[in-house]
Amino acid sequence: MTCTQIFPFPQFHPSGERCLLAVYAQGVDAAVNEKLRRITALLNQEKRPGIEEVVPSYSSLAVFYDPVLVNFQALCDLLRTCEQNLDAAQIDASRTITIPVCYGGDFGPDLADVARHNQLSPAAVIARHCAALYRIFAIGFAPGFCYLGGLDESLHTPRLETPRTLVAAGSVGIAGSQTGIYPQDSPGGWRIIGRTPLTLFNAERAEPCPYRAGDNLRFQAVDEAAFHAILAGEQS
């Protein structure tokens, strides 16, 4: 996925009295996202007084701060300095995480609709969905929900006209040019094509999510017997 415009300099905007929003591009670009990942790491490494939280997104960065300890202009200057020192960021190497998915049937009620919309067979949808390597650009919206880039254009499908009131945890869906996984039971309007038996968020684990921003995901098709075997292992 590429963005429509990369700004030569970040655009800084106040977002309320305690947040600075730094926008580096419009759209989605892996290089811009990697820059944000490194700037986030630098800010967290330095532990500057007054910076409370740093939240990266596709192409922007939100910095929450205490205005008594640091002001808006000082944060702008700090972000510009960070952009010149990206190599100093201490970041974890990207991992590739495989997510098993049982496609279709009760687990993927919208698989046939996605296939019809794109003039493909359900088997072709599954094959193309599993063939791609997806970068995790950000995690948010809900604990463990990852924003992925890399969905094959031949699978792009509009959201449901009427969202479901309940989508089961682990459901894998497509909405427009995005694909993703619902980490908990929740309402949702994405086209559900399958479900993973993995627990994607558990606050009691040392690492609550099995992945982090900057990692890559790959989906692997499994049958229903394998789904239930993996689920039993998760629950044991």
C-alpha atoms as a PDB file:
ATOM      1  CA  MET A   1       0.000   0.000   0.000  1.00  0.00           C
ATOM      2  CA  THR A   2       1.413   3.417  -0.867  1.00  0.00           C
ATOM      3  CA  CYS A   3       0.324   6.811   0.307  1.00  0.00           C
ATOM      4  CA  THR A   4      -0.957   9.572  -1.947  1.00  0.00           C
ATOM      5  CA  GLN A   5       1.337  12.204  -0.423  1.00  0.00           C
ATOM      6  CA  ILE A   6       4.408  12.198   1.819  1.00  0.00           C
ATOM      7  CA  PHE A   7       5.054  15.576   3.439  1.00  0.00           C
ATOM      8  CA  PRO A   8       8.638  16.942   3.256  1.00  0.00           C
ATOM      9  CA  PHE A   9       8.185  18.169   6.833  1.00  0.00           C
ATOM     10  CA  PRO A  10       5.793  16.912   9.527  1.00  0.00           C
ATOM     11  CA  GLN A  11       2.666  18.930  10.128  1.00  0.00           C
ATOM     12  CA  PHE A  12       2.093  19.659  13.821  1.00  0.00           C
ATOM     13  CA  HIS A  13      -1.406  20.233  15.181  1.00  0.00           C
ATOM     14  CA  PRO A  14      -2.747  20.620  18.720  1.00  0.00           C
ATOM     15  CA  SER A  15      -5.363  17.990  19.546  1.00  0.00           C
ATOM     16  CA  GLY A  16      -6.874  19.364  22.698  1.00  0.00           C
ATOM     17  CA  GLU A  17      -4.791  20.882  25.486  1.00  0.00           C
ATOM     18  CA  ARG A  18      -2.644  17.802  26.196  1.00  0.00           C
ATOM     19  CA  CYS A  19      -1.923  16.208  22.834  1.00  0.00           C
ATOM     20  CA  LEU A  20       0.254  17.038  19.832  1.00  0.00           C
ATOM     21  CA  LEU A  21      -0.622  15.371  16.524  1.00  0.00           C
ATOM     22  CA  ALA A  22       2.300  15.062  14.092  1.00  0.00           C
ATOM     23  CA  VAL A  23       1.217  14.130  10.550  1.00  0.00           C
ATOM     24  CA  TYR A  24       3.909  12.817   8.199  1.00  0.00           C
ATOM     25  CA  ALA A  25       1.808  11.702   5.210  1.00  0.00           C
ATOM     26  CA  GLN A  26      -1.681  11.204   3.835  1.00  0.00           C
ATOM     27  CA  GLY A  27      -2.481   7.555   3.280  1.00  0.00           C
ATOM     28  CA  VAL A  28      -0.364   4.500   4.014  1.00  0.00           C
ATOM     29  CA  ASP A  29       3.320   3.929   3.336  1.00  0.00           C
ATOM     30  CA  ALA A  30       5.608   1.325   4.914  1.00  0.00           C
ATOM     31  CA  ALA A  31       8.662   3.624   4.986  1.00  0.00           C
ATOM     32  CA  VAL A  32       6.714   6.406   6.730  1.00  0.00           C
ATOM     33  CA  ASN A  33       5.299   3.914   9.210  1.00  0.00           C
ATOM     34  CA  GLU A  34       8.784   2.590   9.976  1.00  0.00           C
ATOM     35  CA  LYS A  35       9.931   6.184  10.625  1.00  0.00           C
ATOM     36  CA  LEU A  36       7.084   6.609  13.118  1.00  0.00           C
ATOM     37  CA  ARG A  37       8.029   3.345  14.791  1.00  0.00           C
ATOM     38  CA  ARG A  38      11.580   4.619  15.285  1.00  0.00           C
ATOM     39  CA  ILE A  39      10.503   8.060  16.513  1.00  0.00           C
ATOM     40  CA  THR A  40       8.186   6.381  19.022  1.00  0.00           C
ATOM     41  CA  ALA A  41      11.080   4.252  20.255  1.00  0.00           C
ATOM     42  CA  LEU A  42      13.331   7.310  20.625  1.00  0.00           C
ATOM     43  CA  LEU A  43      10.720   9.212  22.623  1.00  0.00           C
ATOM     44  CA  ASN A  44      10.179   6.218  24.899  1.00  0.00           C
ATOM     45  CA  GLN A  45      13.939   5.742  25.319  1.00  0.00           C
ATOM     46  CA  GLU A  46      14.580   9.324  26.358  1.00  0.00           C
ATOM     47  CA  LYS A  47      11.766   9.446  28.921  1.00  0.00           C
ATOM     48  CA  ARG A  48      11.497  13.239  28.690  1.00  0.00           C
ATOM     49  CA  PRO A  49       9.618  14.830  31.612  1.00  0.00           C
ATOM     50  CA  GLY A  50       6.059  15.681  30.660  1.00  0.00           C
ATOM     51  CA  ILE A  51       5.607  13.108  27.878  1.00  0.00           C
ATOM     52  CA  GLU A  52       2.880  10.761  29.069  1.00  0.00           C
ATOM     53  CA  GLU A  53       2.199   8.523  26.073  1.00  0.00           C
ATOM     54  CA  VAL A  54       3.178   8.174  22.413  1.00  0.00           C
ATOM     55  CA  VAL A  55       0.653   6.593  20.037  1.00  0.00           C
ATOM     56  CA  PRO A  56       1.732   5.872  16.430  1.00  0.00           C
ATOM     57  CA  SER A  57      -0.758   5.281  13.622  1.00  0.00           C
ATOM     58  CA  TYR A  58      -0.446   4.631   9.871  1.00  0.00           C
ATOM     59  CA  SER A  59       1.171   7.979   9.073  1.00  0.00           C
ATOM     60  CA  SER A  60       0.750  10.158  12.161  1.00  0.00           C
ATOM     61  CA  LEU A  61       1.923  10.270  15.738  1.00  0.00           C
ATOM     62  CA  ALA A  62      -0.017  11.453  18.798  1.00  0.00           C
ATOM     63  CA  VAL A  63       2.071  12.656  21.741  1.00  0.00           C
ATOM     64  CA  PHE A  64       0.159  13.112  24.989  1.00  0.00           C
ATOM     65  CA  TYR A  65       1.895  15.448  27.405  1.00  0.00           C
ATOM     66  CA  ASP A  66       1.637  17.480  30.600  1.00  0.00           C
ATOM     67  CA  PRO A  67       1.645  21.181  29.548  1.00  0.00           C
ATOM     68  CA  VAL A  68       2.986  22.147  32.970  1.00  0.00           C
ATOM     69  CA  LEU A  69       6.218  20.217  32.282  1.00  0.00           C
ATOM     70  CA  VAL A  70       6.650  20.638  28.525  1.00  0.00           C
ATOM     71  CA  ASN A  71       5.121  22.960  25.943  1.00  0.00           C
ATOM     72  CA  PHE A  72       3.869  22.389  22.419  1.00  0.00           C
ATOM     73  CA  GLN A  73       6.783  24.116  20.663  1.00  0.00           C
ATOM     74  CA  ALA A  74       9.368  22.150  22.645  1.00  0.00           C
ATOM     75  CA  LEU A  75       7.690  18.924  21.557  1.00  0.00           C
ATOM     76  CA  CYS A  76       7.739  20.042  17.910  1.00  0.00           C
ATOM     77  CA  ASP A  77      11.479  20.714  18.193  1.00  0.00           C
ATOM     78  CA  LEU A  78      12.029  17.337  19.862  1.00  0.00           C
ATOM     79  CA  LEU A  79      10.190  15.484  17.100  1.00  0.00           C
ATOM     80  CA  ARG A  80      12.279  17.244  14.443  1.00  0.00           C
ATOM     81  CA  THR A  81      15.432  16.198  16.317  1.00  0.00           C
ATOM     82  CA  CYS A  82      14.221  12.598  16.543  1.00  0.00           C
ATOM     83  CA  GLU A  83      13.681  12.529  12.787  1.00  0.00           C
ATOM     84  CA  GLN A  84      17.388  13.298  12.324  1.00  0.00           C
ATOM     85  CA  ASN A  85      18.475  10.478  14.648  1.00  0.00           C
ATOM     86  CA  LEU A  86      16.406   7.503  13.515  1.00  0.00           C
ATOM     87  CA  ASP A  87      19.370   5.119  13.553  1.00  0.00           C
ATOM     88  CA  ALA A  88      19.682   5.582  17.320  1.00  0.00           C
ATOM     89  CA  ALA A  89      16.267   4.008  17.923  1.00  0.00           C
ATOM     90  CA  GLN A  90      16.387   0.730  19.824  1.00  0.00           C
ATOM     91  CA  ILE A  91      13.685  -1.346  18.191  1.00  0.00           C
ATOM     92  CA  ASP A  92      12.927  -5.040  18.142  1.00  0.00           C
ATOM     93  CA  ALA A  93      13.461  -6.901  14.895  1.00  0.00           C
ATOM     94  CA  SER A  94      10.293  -7.517  12.921  1.00  0.00           C
ATOM     95  CA  ARG A  95       8.840 -10.989  13.338  1.00  0.00           C
ATOM     96  CA  THR A  96       6.545 -12.974  11.065  1.00  0.00           C
ATOM     97  CA  ILE A  97       3.569 -14.390  12.975  1.00  0.00           C
ATOM     98  CA  THR A  98       1.443 -17.136  11.447  1.00  0.00           C
ATOM     99  CA  ILE A  99      -2.270 -16.966  12.254  1.00  0.00           C
ATOM    100  CA  PRO A 100      -4.251 -20.193  11.642  1.00  0.00           C
ATOM    101  CA  VAL A 101      -7.719 -19.528  10.190  1.00  0.00           C
ATOM    102  CA  CYS A 102     -10.657 -21.796   9.455  1.00  0.00           C
ATOM    103  CA  TYR A 103     -12.369 -20.183   6.451  1.00  0.00           C
ATOM    104  CA  GLY A 104     -16.021 -20.275   5.430  1.00  0.00           C
ATOM    105  CA  GLY A 105     -19.008 -22.047   6.963  1.00  0.00           C
ATOM    106  CA  ASP A 106     -20.121 -20.809  10.351  1.00  0.00           C
ATOM    107  CA  PHE A 107     -16.653 -19.333  10.868  1.00  0.00           C
ATOM    108  CA  GLY A 108     -16.764 -17.253   7.682  1.00  0.00           C
ATOM    109  CA  PRO A 109     -20.372 -16.398   6.768  1.00  0.00           C
ATOM    110  CA  ASP A 110     -19.356 -13.708   4.251  1.00  0.00           C
ATOM    111  CA  LEU A 111     -16.775 -15.715   2.317  1.00  0.00           C
ATOM    112  CA  ALA A 112     -19.208 -16.426  -0.535  1.00  0.00           C
ATOM    113  CA  ASP A 113     -20.179 -12.733  -0.747  1.00  0.00           C
ATOM    114  CA  VAL A 114     -16.532 -11.676  -0.998  1.00  0.00           C
ATOM    115  CA  ALA A 115     -16.015 -14.269  -3.717  1.00  0.00           C
ATOM    116  CA  ARG A 116     -19.068 -13.099  -5.708  1.00  0.00           C
ATOM    117  CA  HIS A 117     -18.132  -9.435  -5.373  1.00  0.00           C
ATOM    118  CA  ASN A 118     -14.679 -10.089  -6.809  1.00  0.00           C
ATOM    119  CA  GLN A 119     -15.753 -12.741  -9.331  1.00  0.00           C
ATOM    120  CA  LEU A 120     -13.623 -15.388  -7.665  1.00  0.00           C
ATOM    121  CA  SER A 121     -14.264 -18.805  -6.200  1.00  0.00           C
ATOM    122  CA  PRO A 122     -14.222 -19.131  -2.387  1.00  0.00           C
ATOM    123  CA  ALA A 123     -11.102 -21.282  -2.750  1.00  0.00           C
ATOM    124  CA  ALA A 124      -9.381 -18.494  -4.711  1.00  0.00           C
ATOM    125  CA  VAL A 125     -10.293 -15.947  -2.012  1.00  0.00           C
ATOM    126  CA  ILE A 126      -8.740 -18.189   0.634  1.00  0.00           C
ATOM    127  CA  ALA A 127      -5.621 -18.800  -1.440  1.00  0.00           C
ATOM    128  CA  ARG A 128      -5.063 -15.102  -2.129  1.00  0.00           C
ATOM    129  CA  HIS A 129      -5.782 -14.099   1.457  1.00  0.00           C
ATOM    130  CA  CYS A 130      -3.186 -16.607   2.693  1.00  0.00           C
ATOM    131  CA  ALA A 131      -0.602 -15.737   0.019  1.00  0.00           C
ATOM    132  CA  ALA A 132       0.068 -12.176   1.206  1.00  0.00           C
ATOM    133  CA  LEU A 133       2.442 -11.009   3.927  1.00  0.00           C
ATOM    134  CA  TYR A 134       0.720  -8.304   5.980  1.00  0.00           C
ATOM    135  CA  ARG A 135       2.583  -5.575   7.858  1.00  0.00           C
ATOM    136  CA  ILE A 136       1.132  -4.467  11.193  1.00  0.00           C
ATOM    137  CA  PHE A 137       1.040  -0.690  10.845  1.00  0.00           C
ATOM    138  CA  ALA A 138      -0.569  -0.011  14.220  1.00  0.00           C
ATOM    139  CA  ILE A 139      -2.496  -1.617  17.069  1.00  0.00           C
ATOM    140  CA  GLY A 140      -5.535   0.144  18.452  1.00  0.00           C
ATOM    141  CA  PHE A 141      -9.311   0.619  18.397  1.00  0.00           C
ATOM    142  CA  ALA A 142      -9.531  -2.346  20.769  1.00  0.00           C
ATOM    143  CA  PRO A 143      -6.769  -4.193  22.679  1.00  0.00           C
ATOM    144  CA  GLY A 144      -5.039  -6.488  20.207  1.00  0.00           C
ATOM    145  CA  PHE A 145      -6.726  -5.120  17.070  1.00  0.00           C
ATOM    146  CA  CYS A 146      -4.045  -4.757  14.399  1.00  0.00           C
ATOM    147  CA  TYR A 147      -4.233  -2.510  11.351  1.00  0.00           C
ATOM    148  CA  LEU A 148      -2.758  -4.475   8.459  1.00  0.00           C
ATOM    149  CA  GLY A 149      -1.416  -3.418   5.080  1.00  0.00           C
ATOM    150  CA  GLY A 150      -0.999  -5.682   2.093  1.00  0.00           C
ATOM    151  CA  LEU A 151      -4.438  -6.999   1.158  1.00  0.00           C
ATOM    152  CA  ASP A 152      -4.546  -8.159  -2.477  1.00  0.00           C
ATOM    153  CA  GLU A 153      -6.557  -5.615  -4.511  1.00  0.00           C
ATOM    154  CA  SER A 154      -8.600  -8.455  -5.997  1.00  0.00           C
ATOM    155  CA  LEU A 155     -10.090  -9.063  -2.511  1.00  0.00           C
ATOM    156  CA  HIS A 156     -11.203  -5.495  -1.745  1.00  0.00           C
ATOM    157  CA  THR A 157     -14.869  -5.619  -0.695  1.00  0.00           C
ATOM    158  CA  PRO A 158     -17.165  -2.972   0.848  1.00  0.00           C
ATOM    159  CA  ARG A 159     -18.257  -3.221   4.443  1.00  0.00           C
ATOM    160  CA  LEU A 160     -21.658  -4.606   5.327  1.00  0.00           C
ATOM    161  CA  GLU A 161     -24.457  -2.059   4.851  1.00  0.00           C
ATOM    162  CA  THR A 162     -25.734  -2.956   8.332  1.00  0.00           C
ATOM    163  CA  PRO A 163     -23.096  -3.936  10.919  1.00  0.00           C
ATOM    164  CA  ARG A 164     -23.615  -7.021  13.044  1.00  0.00           C
ATOM    165  CA  THR A 165     -24.331  -6.455  16.713  1.00  0.00           C
ATOM    166  CA  LEU A 166     -21.957  -9.292  17.627  1.00  0.00           C
ATOM    167  CA  VAL A 167     -18.852 -10.571  15.859  1.00  0.00           C
ATOM    168  CA  ALA A 168     -17.094 -13.460  17.578  1.00  0.00           C
ATOM    169  CA  ALA A 169     -13.565 -13.030  18.916  1.00  0.00           C
ATOM    170  CA  GLY A 170     -11.004 -14.280  16.419  1.00  0.00           C
ATOM    171  CA  SER A 171     -13.121 -13.444  13.382  1.00  0.00           C
ATOM    172  CA  VAL A 172     -11.097 -12.505  10.306  1.00  0.00           C
ATOM    173  CA  GLY A 173     -12.705  -9.910   8.067  1.00  0.00           C
ATOM    174  CA  ILE A 174     -12.332  -7.686   5.036  1.00  0.00           C
ATOM    175  CA  ALA A 175     -13.528  -4.074   4.821  1.00  0.00           C
ATOM    176  CA  GLY A 176     -12.624  -2.071   1.740  1.00  0.00           C
ATOM    177  CA  SER A 177      -8.861  -2.350   1.255  1.00  0.00           C
ATOM    178  CA  GLN A 178      -8.207  -3.692   4.751  1.00  0.00           C
ATOM    179  CA  THR A 179      -8.192  -7.065   6.433  1.00  0.00           C
ATOM    180  CA  GLY A 180      -7.996  -7.679  10.149  1.00  0.00           C
ATOM    181  CA  ILE A 181      -8.937  -9.813  13.132  1.00  0.00           C
ATOM    182  CA  TYR A 182     -11.445  -9.031  15.875  1.00  0.00           C
ATOM    183  CA  PRO A 183      -9.576  -9.726  19.151  1.00  0.00           C
ATOM    184  CA  GLN A 184     -12.723  -9.755  21.318  1.00  0.00           C
ATOM    185  CA  ASP A 185     -16.449 -10.237  20.838  1.00  0.00           C
ATOM    186  CA  SER A 186     -17.752  -6.905  19.538  1.00  0.00           C
ATOM    187  CA  PRO A 187     -20.104  -5.278  17.050  1.00  0.00           C
ATOM    188  CA  GLY A 188     -18.645  -4.913  13.566  1.00  0.00           C
ATOM    189  CA  GLY A 189     -19.361  -4.287   9.907  1.00  0.00           C
ATOM    190  CA  TRP A 190     -16.493  -6.139   8.239  1.00  0.00           C
ATOM    191  CA  ARG A 191     -17.118  -9.074   5.896  1.00  0.00           C
ATOM    192  CA  ILE A 192     -16.230 -12.132   7.972  1.00  0.00           C
ATOM    193  CA  ILE A 193     -14.421 -14.797   5.951  1.00  0.00           C
ATOM    194  CA  GLY A 194     -12.992 -16.994   8.721  1.00  0.00           C
ATOM    195  CA  ARG A 195     -11.940 -17.291  12.338  1.00  0.00           C
ATOM    196  CA  THR A 196      -8.735 -18.021  14.209  1.00  0.00           C
ATOM    197  CA  PRO A 197      -8.745 -20.158  17.377  1.00  0.00           C
ATOM    198  CA  LEU A 198      -5.875 -18.123  18.864  1.00  0.00           C
ATOM    199  CA  THR A 199      -6.413 -15.806  21.829  1.00  0.00           C
ATOM    200  CA  LEU A 200      -5.142 -12.505  20.476  1.00  0.00           C
ATOM    201  CA  PHE A 201      -5.257 -10.488  23.685  1.00  0.00           C
ATOM    202  CA  ASN A 202      -4.798 -11.639  27.269  1.00  0.00           C
ATOM    203  CA  ALA A 203      -3.836  -8.987  29.811  1.00  0.00           C
ATOM    204  CA  GLU A 204      -2.478 -11.676  32.157  1.00  0.00           C
ATOM    205  CA  ARG A 205       0.240 -12.793  29.725  1.00  0.00           C
ATOM    206  CA  ALA A 206       3.729 -11.295  29.878  1.00  0.00           C
ATOM    207  CA  GLU A 207       3.168 -10.172  26.290  1.00  0.00           C
ATOM    208  CA  PRO A 208      -0.615  -9.608  26.054  1.00  0.00           C
ATOM    209  CA  CYS A 209      -0.608  -9.767  22.222  1.00  0.00           C
ATOM    210  CA  PRO A 210       1.335 -12.330  20.180  1.00  0.00           C
ATOM    211  CA  TYR A 211       2.434  -9.501  17.849  1.00  0.00           C
ATOM    212  CA  ARG A 212       3.364  -5.823  17.903  1.00  0.00           C
ATOM    213  CA  ALA A 213       3.440  -2.922  15.448  1.00  0.00           C
ATOM    214  CA  GLY A 214       6.189  -3.499  12.888  1.00  0.00           C
ATOM    215  CA  ASP A 215       5.704  -7.274  12.820  1.00  0.00           C
ATOM    216  CA  ASN A 216       4.284  -9.140   9.835  1.00  0.00           C
ATOM    217  CA  LEU A 217       1.313 -11.504   9.783  1.00  0.00           C
ATOM    218  CA  ARG A 218       0.644 -14.434   7.517  1.00  0.00           C
ATOM    219  CA  PHE A 219      -2.642 -16.345   7.494  1.00  0.00           C
ATOM    220  CA  GLN A 220      -2.659 -20.143   7.224  1.00  0.00           C
ATOM    221  CA  ALA A 221      -5.803 -22.046   6.286  1.00  0.00           C
ATOM    222  CA  VAL A 222      -6.726 -24.921   8.636  1.00  0.00           C
ATOM    223  CA  ASP A 223      -9.690 -27.267   8.674  1.00  0.00           C
ATOM    224  CA  GLU A 224     -12.314 -27.419  11.414  1.00  0.00           C
ATOM    225  CA  ALA A 225     -10.642 -30.336  13.212  1.00  0.00           C
ATOM    226  CA  ALA A 226      -7.365 -28.422  13.431  1.00  0.00           C
ATOM    227  CA  PHE A 227      -9.266 -25.317  14.575  1.00  0.00           C
ATOM    228  CA  HIS A 228     -10.788 -27.176  17.517  1.00  0.00           C
ATOM    229  CA  ALA A 229      -7.481 -28.848  18.396  1.00  0.00           C
ATOM    230  CA  ILE A 230      -5.712 -25.484  18.535  1.00  0.00           C
ATOM    231  CA  LEU A 231      -8.600 -23.980  20.510  1.00  0.00           C
ATOM    232  CA  ALA A 232      -8.383 -26.794  23.061  1.00  0.00           C
ATOM    233  CA  GLY A 233      -4.679 -26.070  23.474  1.00  0.00           C
ATOM    234  CA  GLU A 234      -5.396 -22.362  23.987  1.00  0.00           C
ATOM    235  CA  GLN A 235      -7.943 -23.141  26.695  1.00  0.00           C
ATOM    236  CA  SER A 236      -5.882 -25.736  28.561  1.00  0.00           C
END
